[in-house]
Amino acid sequence: FQLLTVLAALALACSAEVEPSAVDAAMAADDQCSAKGEDGVLCMLNALQMKAAKLEVDAAAESEPSSCTSGMVGQVRSFAPGCLDACPQACGPLGVAMNAYMTKGGQPAAKTAVCQYKSQFSCFLSSSVWPQCKELVEKAASFGFTLPHSVPQLNAGCE
């Protein structure tokens, strides 16, 4: 249901026309683009793109904790909360790998996802975090979801 709400809001936002006066007012409040003519337009476009990129980064940062506590990753977290809490940046990639495993071809698909997010997965294998994650990695292996036990093993598996 939440996905449908988000998709409906996105569709509405994309179909809504933005009043040029609203853009002009927003840009007038920002004194970064004082040039006129084509240079002013290019400056405004660049400023809007930078603001959109910042909003995207901020939204991703806000959503990261929920990727650790919801869906399949949330279920994994309930088994080993210390492991996932130590590596919140890996929760989203873990969800991608789990989804790939279940819907796109098992272990080979999951391996592709793990290798794509190798730096995030390496957190689980760091010496300070591994003791909290070892039991989880072993449990995953019992379900056929084989994960490396060290950073060198991760690197070797992704070559």
N, C-alpha and C. Protein backbone atom coordinates (compact mmCIF):
# COMPACT_ATOMS: atom_id res chain seq x y z
N PHE A 1 0.81 -1.19 0.00
CA PHE A 1 0.00 0.00 0.00
C PHE A 1 0.86 1.26 0.00
N GLN A 2 1.92 1.29 0.82
CA GLN A 2 2.79 2.47 0.85
C GLN A 2 3.45 2.69 -0.50
N LEU A 3 3.83 1.61 -1.17
CA LEU A 3 4.45 1.74 -2.48
C LEU A 3 3.49 2.39 -3.46
N LEU A 4 2.21 1.99 -3.41
CA LEU A 4 1.23 2.59 -4.30
C LEU A 4 1.06 4.07 -4.00
N THR A 5 1.07 4.43 -2.73
CA THR A 5 0.95 5.84 -2.34
C THR A 5 2.11 6.65 -2.88
N VAL A 6 3.34 6.11 -2.74
CA VAL A 6 4.52 6.80 -3.23
C VAL A 6 4.46 6.94 -4.75
N LEU A 7 4.08 5.85 -5.44
CA LEU A 7 4.00 5.91 -6.89
C LEU A 7 2.94 6.91 -7.35
N ALA A 8 1.80 6.95 -6.64
CA ALA A 8 0.75 7.91 -7.00
C ALA A 8 1.23 9.34 -6.79
N ALA A 9 1.92 9.58 -5.67
CA ALA A 9 2.44 10.93 -5.40
C ALA A 9 3.48 11.33 -6.45
N LEU A 10 4.34 10.38 -6.82
CA LEU A 10 5.34 10.67 -7.84
C LEU A 10 4.69 10.98 -9.18
N ALA A 11 3.69 10.20 -9.54
CA ALA A 11 2.99 10.43 -10.81
C ALA A 11 2.32 11.80 -10.80
N LEU A 12 1.72 12.14 -9.68
CA LEU A 12 1.07 13.45 -9.56
C LEU A 12 2.09 14.57 -9.67
N ALA A 13 3.22 14.40 -8.99
CA ALA A 13 4.26 15.44 -9.04
C ALA A 13 4.81 15.60 -10.44
N CYS A 14 4.98 14.49 -11.15
CA CYS A 14 5.53 14.55 -12.50
C CYS A 14 4.55 15.17 -13.49
N SER A 15 3.25 14.96 -13.24
CA SER A 15 2.27 15.48 -14.18
C SER A 15 1.89 16.93 -13.89
N ALA A 16 2.16 17.37 -12.67
CA ALA A 16 1.80 18.74 -12.31
C ALA A 16 2.76 19.71 -12.98
N GLU A 17 2.19 20.80 -13.49
CA GLU A 17 3.04 21.80 -14.11
C GLU A 17 3.49 22.79 -13.03
N VAL A 18 4.74 23.15 -13.08
CA VAL A 18 5.28 24.11 -12.14
C VAL A 18 5.12 25.49 -12.73
N GLU A 19 4.54 26.36 -11.96
CA GLU A 19 4.35 27.73 -12.41
C GLU A 19 5.71 28.41 -12.57
N PRO A 20 5.96 29.03 -13.71
CA PRO A 20 7.24 29.74 -13.89
C PRO A 20 7.47 30.79 -12.81
N SER A 21 6.40 31.42 -12.32
CA SER A 21 6.57 32.44 -11.28
C SER A 21 7.09 31.83 -9.99
N ALA A 22 6.71 30.56 -9.70
CA ALA A 22 7.19 29.89 -8.50
C ALA A 22 8.69 29.63 -8.61
N VAL A 23 9.15 29.22 -9.79
CA VAL A 23 10.58 29.00 -10.01
C VAL A 23 11.32 30.33 -9.90
N ASP A 24 10.76 31.38 -10.55
CA ASP A 24 11.40 32.70 -10.49
C ASP A 24 11.51 33.19 -9.05
N ALA A 25 10.45 33.00 -8.26
CA ALA A 25 10.46 33.45 -6.87
C ALA A 25 11.51 32.69 -6.06
N ALA A 26 11.59 31.37 -6.28
CA ALA A 26 12.57 30.57 -5.56
C ALA A 26 13.99 30.97 -5.92
N MET A 27 14.22 31.22 -7.20
CA MET A 27 15.56 31.59 -7.64
C MET A 27 15.91 33.02 -7.21
N ALA A 28 14.91 33.89 -7.11
CA ALA A 28 15.17 35.25 -6.65
C ALA A 28 15.61 35.25 -5.19
N ALA A 29 15.09 34.30 -4.43
CA ALA A 29 15.47 34.21 -3.02
C ALA A 29 16.90 33.71 -2.87
N ASP A 30 17.44 33.11 -3.90
CA ASP A 30 18.80 32.59 -3.89
C ASP A 30 19.66 33.58 -4.68
N ASP A 31 20.56 34.28 -4.01
CA ASP A 31 21.34 35.33 -4.66
C ASP A 31 22.57 34.78 -5.39
N GLN A 32 22.67 33.50 -5.59
CA GLN A 32 23.82 32.91 -6.26
C GLN A 32 23.82 33.19 -7.75
N CYS A 33 22.65 33.39 -8.33
CA CYS A 33 22.56 33.57 -9.78
C CYS A 33 22.09 34.98 -10.10
N SER A 34 23.03 35.91 -10.10
CA SER A 34 22.67 37.30 -10.35
C SER A 34 22.80 37.66 -11.83
N ALA A 35 23.38 36.78 -12.64
CA ALA A 35 23.55 37.07 -14.07
C ALA A 35 22.21 37.07 -14.78
N LYS A 36 22.16 37.76 -15.88
CA LYS A 36 20.94 37.83 -16.69
C LYS A 36 21.15 37.07 -17.99
N GLY A 37 20.07 36.86 -18.71
CA GLY A 37 20.17 36.22 -20.02
C GLY A 37 20.52 34.75 -19.93
N GLU A 38 21.22 34.28 -20.96
CA GLU A 38 21.56 32.85 -21.03
C GLU A 38 22.45 32.42 -19.87
N ASP A 39 23.40 33.25 -19.45
CA ASP A 39 24.26 32.90 -18.32
C ASP A 39 23.43 32.75 -17.04
N GLY A 40 22.45 33.61 -16.86
CA GLY A 40 21.59 33.51 -15.70
C GLY A 40 20.75 32.23 -15.70
N VAL A 41 20.24 31.88 -16.87
CA VAL A 41 19.45 30.66 -17.01
C VAL A 41 20.32 29.44 -16.70
N LEU A 42 21.53 29.42 -17.26
CA LEU A 42 22.44 28.29 -17.00
C LEU A 42 22.80 28.21 -15.52
N CYS A 43 23.02 29.35 -14.90
CA CYS A 43 23.32 29.37 -13.47
C CYS A 43 22.14 28.82 -12.67
N MET A 44 20.92 29.24 -13.02
CA MET A 44 19.73 28.75 -12.32
C MET A 44 19.56 27.24 -12.51
N LEU A 45 19.78 26.77 -13.72
CA LEU A 45 19.67 25.34 -13.99
C LEU A 45 20.67 24.57 -13.15
N ASN A 46 21.89 25.05 -13.11
CA ASN A 46 22.93 24.40 -12.31
C ASN A 46 22.55 24.41 -10.83
N ALA A 47 22.05 25.53 -10.34
CA ALA A 47 21.64 25.62 -8.93
C ALA A 47 20.51 24.64 -8.62
N LEU A 48 19.54 24.55 -9.51
CA LEU A 48 18.43 23.61 -9.29
C LEU A 48 18.92 22.17 -9.30
N GLN A 49 19.84 21.85 -10.20
CA GLN A 49 20.38 20.49 -10.26
C GLN A 49 21.15 20.17 -8.97
N MET A 50 21.92 21.13 -8.48
CA MET A 50 22.67 20.90 -7.25
C MET A 50 21.73 20.72 -6.06
N LYS A 51 20.67 21.52 -6.00
CA LYS A 51 19.70 21.39 -4.91
C LYS A 51 18.99 20.05 -5.00
N ALA A 52 18.63 19.60 -6.18
CA ALA A 52 17.97 18.31 -6.36
C ALA A 52 18.90 17.17 -5.93
N ALA A 53 20.17 17.28 -6.28
CA ALA A 53 21.12 16.24 -5.89
C ALA A 53 21.27 16.19 -4.37
N LYS A 54 21.30 17.36 -3.73
CA LYS A 54 21.41 17.40 -2.27
C LYS A 54 20.17 16.81 -1.62
N LEU A 55 19.00 17.12 -2.14
CA LEU A 55 17.77 16.55 -1.61
C LEU A 55 17.77 15.03 -1.76
N GLU A 56 18.27 14.53 -2.88
CA GLU A 56 18.33 13.09 -3.11
C GLU A 56 19.26 12.43 -2.10
N VAL A 57 20.42 13.03 -1.84
CA VAL A 57 21.36 12.49 -0.86
C VAL A 57 20.74 12.53 0.53
N ASP A 58 20.10 13.65 0.88
CA ASP A 58 19.46 13.75 2.20
C ASP A 58 18.36 12.71 2.37
N ALA A 59 17.57 12.49 1.33
CA ALA A 59 16.49 11.51 1.41
C ALA A 59 17.06 10.11 1.57
N ALA A 60 18.15 9.81 0.88
CA ALA A 60 18.77 8.49 1.00
C ALA A 60 19.31 8.28 2.41
N ALA A 61 19.92 9.31 2.97
CA ALA A 61 20.45 9.20 4.32
C ALA A 61 19.34 8.98 5.34
N GLU A 62 18.22 9.66 5.14
CA GLU A 62 17.09 9.49 6.06
C GLU A 62 16.47 8.11 5.95
N SER A 63 16.47 7.53 4.75
CA SER A 63 15.81 6.25 4.56
C SER A 63 16.70 5.07 4.95
N GLU A 64 18.00 5.29 5.11
CA GLU A 64 18.92 4.19 5.39
C GLU A 64 18.55 3.40 6.64
N PRO A 65 18.25 4.05 7.79
CA PRO A 65 17.91 3.26 8.96
C PRO A 65 16.70 2.35 8.73
N SER A 66 15.70 2.79 7.98
CA SER A 66 14.53 1.96 7.75
C SER A 66 14.89 0.75 6.90
N SER A 67 15.91 0.83 6.08
CA SER A 67 16.30 -0.32 5.29
C SER A 67 16.89 -1.41 6.18
N CYS A 68 17.29 -1.05 7.39
CA CYS A 68 17.82 -2.03 8.34
C CYS A 68 16.71 -2.68 9.18
N THR A 69 15.57 -2.03 9.25
CA THR A 69 14.54 -2.50 10.18
C THR A 69 13.26 -2.97 9.49
N SER A 70 13.22 -2.90 8.18
CA SER A 70 11.99 -3.29 7.48
C SER A 70 12.27 -4.40 6.48
N GLY A 71 11.23 -5.05 6.06
CA GLY A 71 11.32 -6.09 5.04
C GLY A 71 12.18 -7.26 5.46
N MET A 72 12.77 -7.89 4.46
CA MET A 72 13.59 -9.08 4.73
C MET A 72 14.81 -8.74 5.58
N VAL A 73 15.40 -7.58 5.34
CA VAL A 73 16.58 -7.18 6.12
C VAL A 73 16.18 -6.97 7.58
N GLY A 74 15.00 -6.44 7.83
CA GLY A 74 14.51 -6.30 9.19
C GLY A 74 14.39 -7.64 9.88
N GLN A 75 13.95 -8.65 9.14
CA GLN A 75 13.86 -10.00 9.70
C GLN A 75 15.25 -10.54 10.02
N VAL A 76 16.21 -10.29 9.15
CA VAL A 76 17.58 -10.72 9.40
C VAL A 76 18.12 -9.98 10.63
N ARG A 77 17.81 -8.70 10.73
CA ARG A 77 18.28 -7.91 11.86
C ARG A 77 17.77 -8.46 13.18
N SER A 78 16.54 -8.99 13.19
CA SER A 78 16.00 -9.53 14.44
C SER A 78 16.81 -10.74 14.91
N PHE A 79 17.49 -11.40 13.99
CA PHE A 79 18.34 -12.54 14.34
C PHE A 79 19.71 -12.08 14.85
N ALA A 80 20.24 -11.00 14.28
CA ALA A 80 21.58 -10.51 14.64
C ALA A 80 21.60 -8.99 14.62
N PRO A 81 20.91 -8.34 15.57
CA PRO A 81 20.84 -6.87 15.54
C PRO A 81 22.20 -6.18 15.65
N GLY A 82 23.11 -6.74 16.43
CA GLY A 82 24.43 -6.11 16.58
C GLY A 82 25.19 -6.04 15.28
N CYS A 83 25.01 -7.06 14.45
CA CYS A 83 25.71 -7.11 13.16
C CYS A 83 25.21 -5.99 12.25
N LEU A 84 23.91 -5.91 12.05
CA LEU A 84 23.37 -4.91 11.14
C LEU A 84 23.47 -3.50 11.70
N ASP A 85 23.34 -3.36 13.03
CA ASP A 85 23.48 -2.03 13.63
C ASP A 85 24.89 -1.49 13.47
N ALA A 86 25.88 -2.38 13.41
CA ALA A 86 27.27 -1.96 13.25
C ALA A 86 27.57 -1.52 11.82
N CYS A 87 26.74 -1.95 10.86
CA CYS A 87 26.99 -1.66 9.44
C CYS A 87 25.72 -1.17 8.75
N PRO A 88 25.13 -0.08 9.20
CA PRO A 88 23.87 0.36 8.59
C PRO A 88 23.98 0.67 7.11
N GLN A 89 25.18 1.04 6.64
CA GLN A 89 25.37 1.33 5.22
C GLN A 89 25.24 0.08 4.36
N ALA A 90 25.27 -1.10 4.98
CA ALA A 90 25.18 -2.35 4.23
C ALA A 90 23.75 -2.89 4.19
N CYS A 91 22.82 -2.28 4.91
CA CYS A 91 21.45 -2.82 4.95
C CYS A 91 20.77 -2.78 3.59
N GLY A 92 20.85 -1.67 2.89
CA GLY A 92 20.26 -1.58 1.56
C GLY A 92 20.87 -2.60 0.61
N PRO A 93 22.22 -2.66 0.53
CA PRO A 93 22.84 -3.66 -0.33
C PRO A 93 22.50 -5.10 0.08
N LEU A 94 22.34 -5.35 1.37
CA LEU A 94 21.95 -6.69 1.80
C LEU A 94 20.56 -7.02 1.27
N GLY A 95 19.67 -6.06 1.30
CA GLY A 95 18.34 -6.25 0.74
C GLY A 95 18.39 -6.54 -0.75
N VAL A 96 19.27 -5.83 -1.46
CA VAL A 96 19.43 -6.05 -2.90
C VAL A 96 19.93 -7.48 -3.15
N ALA A 97 20.92 -7.92 -2.37
CA ALA A 97 21.48 -9.26 -2.55
C ALA A 97 20.44 -10.33 -2.22
N MET A 98 19.67 -10.12 -1.16
CA MET A 98 18.64 -11.09 -0.79
C MET A 98 17.55 -11.17 -1.86
N ASN A 99 17.16 -10.02 -2.37
CA ASN A 99 16.15 -9.99 -3.43
C ASN A 99 16.67 -10.68 -4.69
N ALA A 100 17.92 -10.43 -5.03
CA ALA A 100 18.52 -11.07 -6.20
C ALA A 100 18.55 -12.59 -6.01
N TYR A 101 18.91 -13.02 -4.82
CA TYR A 101 18.97 -14.45 -4.53
C TYR A 101 17.60 -15.10 -4.73
N MET A 102 16.57 -14.45 -4.24
CA MET A 102 15.23 -15.04 -4.27
C MET A 102 14.51 -14.88 -5.60
N THR A 103 14.84 -13.86 -6.37
CA THR A 103 14.05 -13.60 -7.57
C THR A 103 14.83 -13.63 -8.88
N LYS A 104 16.15 -13.63 -8.81
CA LYS A 104 16.92 -13.49 -10.05
C LYS A 104 17.96 -14.57 -10.27
N GLY A 105 17.85 -15.69 -9.57
CA GLY A 105 18.77 -16.77 -9.91
C GLY A 105 19.63 -17.30 -8.80
N GLY A 106 19.24 -17.15 -7.56
CA GLY A 106 19.97 -17.78 -6.47
C GLY A 106 21.34 -17.18 -6.22
N GLN A 107 22.27 -18.06 -5.84
CA GLN A 107 23.60 -17.63 -5.43
C GLN A 107 24.34 -16.79 -6.47
N PRO A 108 24.31 -17.15 -7.78
CA PRO A 108 25.04 -16.31 -8.75
C PRO A 108 24.52 -14.87 -8.79
N ALA A 109 23.21 -14.70 -8.70
CA ALA A 109 22.63 -13.35 -8.71
C ALA A 109 22.99 -12.60 -7.44
N ALA A 110 22.97 -13.30 -6.31
CA ALA A 110 23.34 -12.67 -5.04
C ALA A 110 24.81 -12.27 -5.06
N LYS A 111 25.66 -13.11 -5.62
CA LYS A 111 27.09 -12.80 -5.69
C LYS A 111 27.33 -11.53 -6.49
N THR A 112 26.61 -11.38 -7.58
CA THR A 112 26.74 -10.17 -8.39
C THR A 112 26.40 -8.93 -7.55
N ALA A 113 25.32 -9.03 -6.77
CA ALA A 113 24.92 -7.90 -5.93
C ALA A 113 25.95 -7.65 -4.82
N VAL A 114 26.45 -8.73 -4.19
CA VAL A 114 27.45 -8.57 -3.13
C VAL A 114 28.70 -7.90 -3.70
N CYS A 115 29.13 -8.33 -4.88
CA CYS A 115 30.33 -7.73 -5.48
C CYS A 115 30.09 -6.28 -5.88
N GLN A 116 28.89 -5.97 -6.30
CA GLN A 116 28.56 -4.58 -6.67
C GLN A 116 28.69 -3.67 -5.45
N TYR A 117 28.38 -4.19 -4.28
CA TYR A 117 28.42 -3.41 -3.04
C TYR A 117 29.50 -3.94 -2.10
N LYS A 118 30.62 -4.32 -2.67
CA LYS A 118 31.69 -4.96 -1.91
C LYS A 118 32.15 -4.12 -0.72
N SER A 119 32.28 -2.84 -0.90
CA SER A 119 32.78 -2.01 0.21
C SER A 119 31.80 -1.99 1.38
N GLN A 120 30.50 -2.00 1.08
CA GLN A 120 29.51 -2.03 2.16
C GLN A 120 29.52 -3.40 2.86
N PHE A 121 29.63 -4.47 2.10
CA PHE A 121 29.65 -5.81 2.69
C PHE A 121 30.92 -6.06 3.50
N SER A 122 32.01 -5.39 3.15
CA SER A 122 33.26 -5.61 3.88
C SER A 122 33.13 -5.18 5.34
N CYS A 123 32.19 -4.31 5.65
CA CYS A 123 31.97 -3.90 7.04
C CYS A 123 31.64 -5.11 7.92
N PHE A 124 30.81 -6.02 7.41
CA PHE A 124 30.43 -7.21 8.17
C PHE A 124 31.65 -8.07 8.50
N LEU A 125 32.69 -7.97 7.67
CA LEU A 125 33.85 -8.84 7.79
C LEU A 125 35.00 -8.20 8.56
N SER A 126 34.84 -6.95 8.97
CA SER A 126 35.92 -6.29 9.72
C SER A 126 36.10 -6.98 11.07
N SER A 127 37.30 -6.93 11.58
CA SER A 127 37.62 -7.68 12.81
C SER A 127 36.76 -7.24 14.00
N SER A 128 36.36 -5.99 14.03
CA SER A 128 35.55 -5.52 15.16
C SER A 128 34.08 -5.92 15.04
N VAL A 129 33.60 -6.17 13.84
CA VAL A 129 32.19 -6.49 13.62
C VAL A 129 31.97 -7.99 13.43
N TRP A 130 32.95 -8.69 12.87
CA TRP A 130 32.79 -10.10 12.53
C TRP A 130 32.21 -10.95 13.67
N PRO A 131 32.67 -10.79 14.92
CA PRO A 131 32.09 -11.62 15.99
C PRO A 131 30.56 -11.47 16.11
N GLN A 132 30.04 -10.30 15.80
CA GLN A 132 28.60 -10.07 15.87
C GLN A 132 27.88 -10.62 14.64
N CYS A 133 28.62 -10.86 13.55
CA CYS A 133 28.02 -11.29 12.29
C CYS A 133 28.26 -12.76 11.97
N LYS A 134 29.23 -13.38 12.62
CA LYS A 134 29.62 -14.75 12.28
C LYS A 134 28.44 -15.70 12.31
N GLU A 135 27.66 -15.67 13.37
CA GLU A 135 26.51 -16.58 13.49
C GLU A 135 25.50 -16.35 12.36
N LEU A 136 25.31 -15.09 11.99
CA LEU A 136 24.39 -14.77 10.90
C LEU A 136 24.89 -15.31 9.56
N VAL A 137 26.18 -15.16 9.30
CA VAL A 137 26.77 -15.66 8.05
C VAL A 137 26.64 -17.18 8.00
N GLU A 138 26.87 -17.83 9.13
CA GLU A 138 26.74 -19.29 9.18
C GLU A 138 25.29 -19.72 8.99
N LYS A 139 24.36 -18.98 9.56
CA LYS A 139 22.93 -19.29 9.39
C LYS A 139 22.53 -19.11 7.93
N ALA A 140 23.00 -18.04 7.31
CA ALA A 140 22.70 -17.80 5.89
C ALA A 140 23.22 -18.96 5.04
N ALA A 141 24.41 -19.46 5.37
CA ALA A 141 24.99 -20.58 4.62
C ALA A 141 24.11 -21.83 4.74
N SER A 142 23.47 -22.01 5.89
CA SER A 142 22.60 -23.18 6.06
C SER A 142 21.38 -23.11 5.15
N PHE A 143 21.06 -21.91 4.66
CA PHE A 143 19.95 -21.74 3.71
C PHE A 143 20.45 -21.67 2.27
N GLY A 144 21.75 -21.86 2.07
CA GLY A 144 22.30 -21.82 0.73
C GLY A 144 22.76 -20.44 0.30
N PHE A 145 22.74 -19.46 1.19
CA PHE A 145 23.15 -18.09 0.89
C PHE A 145 24.58 -17.95 1.42
N THR A 146 25.54 -18.39 0.63
CA THR A 146 26.93 -18.45 1.08
C THR A 146 27.58 -17.08 0.97
N LEU A 147 28.16 -16.65 2.08
CA LEU A 147 28.85 -15.36 2.13
C LEU A 147 30.30 -15.60 2.53
N PRO A 148 31.20 -14.72 2.12
CA PRO A 148 32.60 -14.87 2.51
C PRO A 148 32.78 -14.66 4.02
N HIS A 149 33.90 -15.17 4.54
CA HIS A 149 34.20 -15.06 5.96
C HIS A 149 35.33 -14.06 6.25
N SER A 150 35.86 -13.43 5.19
CA SER A 150 36.93 -12.45 5.37
C SER A 150 36.93 -11.49 4.18
N VAL A 151 37.59 -10.35 4.37
CA VAL A 151 37.70 -9.38 3.27
C VAL A 151 38.51 -9.97 2.11
N PRO A 152 39.64 -10.66 2.37
CA PRO A 152 40.35 -11.26 1.23
C PRO A 152 39.47 -12.28 0.49
N GLN A 153 38.66 -13.03 1.21
CA GLN A 153 37.77 -13.99 0.56
C GLN A 153 36.71 -13.25 -0.27
N LEU A 154 36.21 -12.14 0.25
CA LEU A 154 35.27 -11.31 -0.50
C LEU A 154 35.90 -10.80 -1.78
N ASN A 155 37.11 -10.25 -1.65
CA ASN A 155 37.81 -9.70 -2.82
C ASN A 155 38.09 -10.78 -3.86
N ALA A 156 38.54 -11.96 -3.39
CA ALA A 156 38.85 -13.05 -4.31
C ALA A 156 37.59 -13.54 -5.03
N GLY A 157 36.48 -13.56 -4.32
CA GLY A 157 35.23 -14.03 -4.91
C GLY A 157 34.64 -13.05 -5.93
N CYS A 158 35.11 -11.82 -5.89
CA CYS A 158 34.55 -10.80 -6.79
C CYS A 158 35.48 -10.48 -7.95
N GLU A 159 36.53 -11.24 -8.12
CA GLU A 159 37.45 -10.97 -9.24
C GLU A 159 36.95 -11.58 -10.52
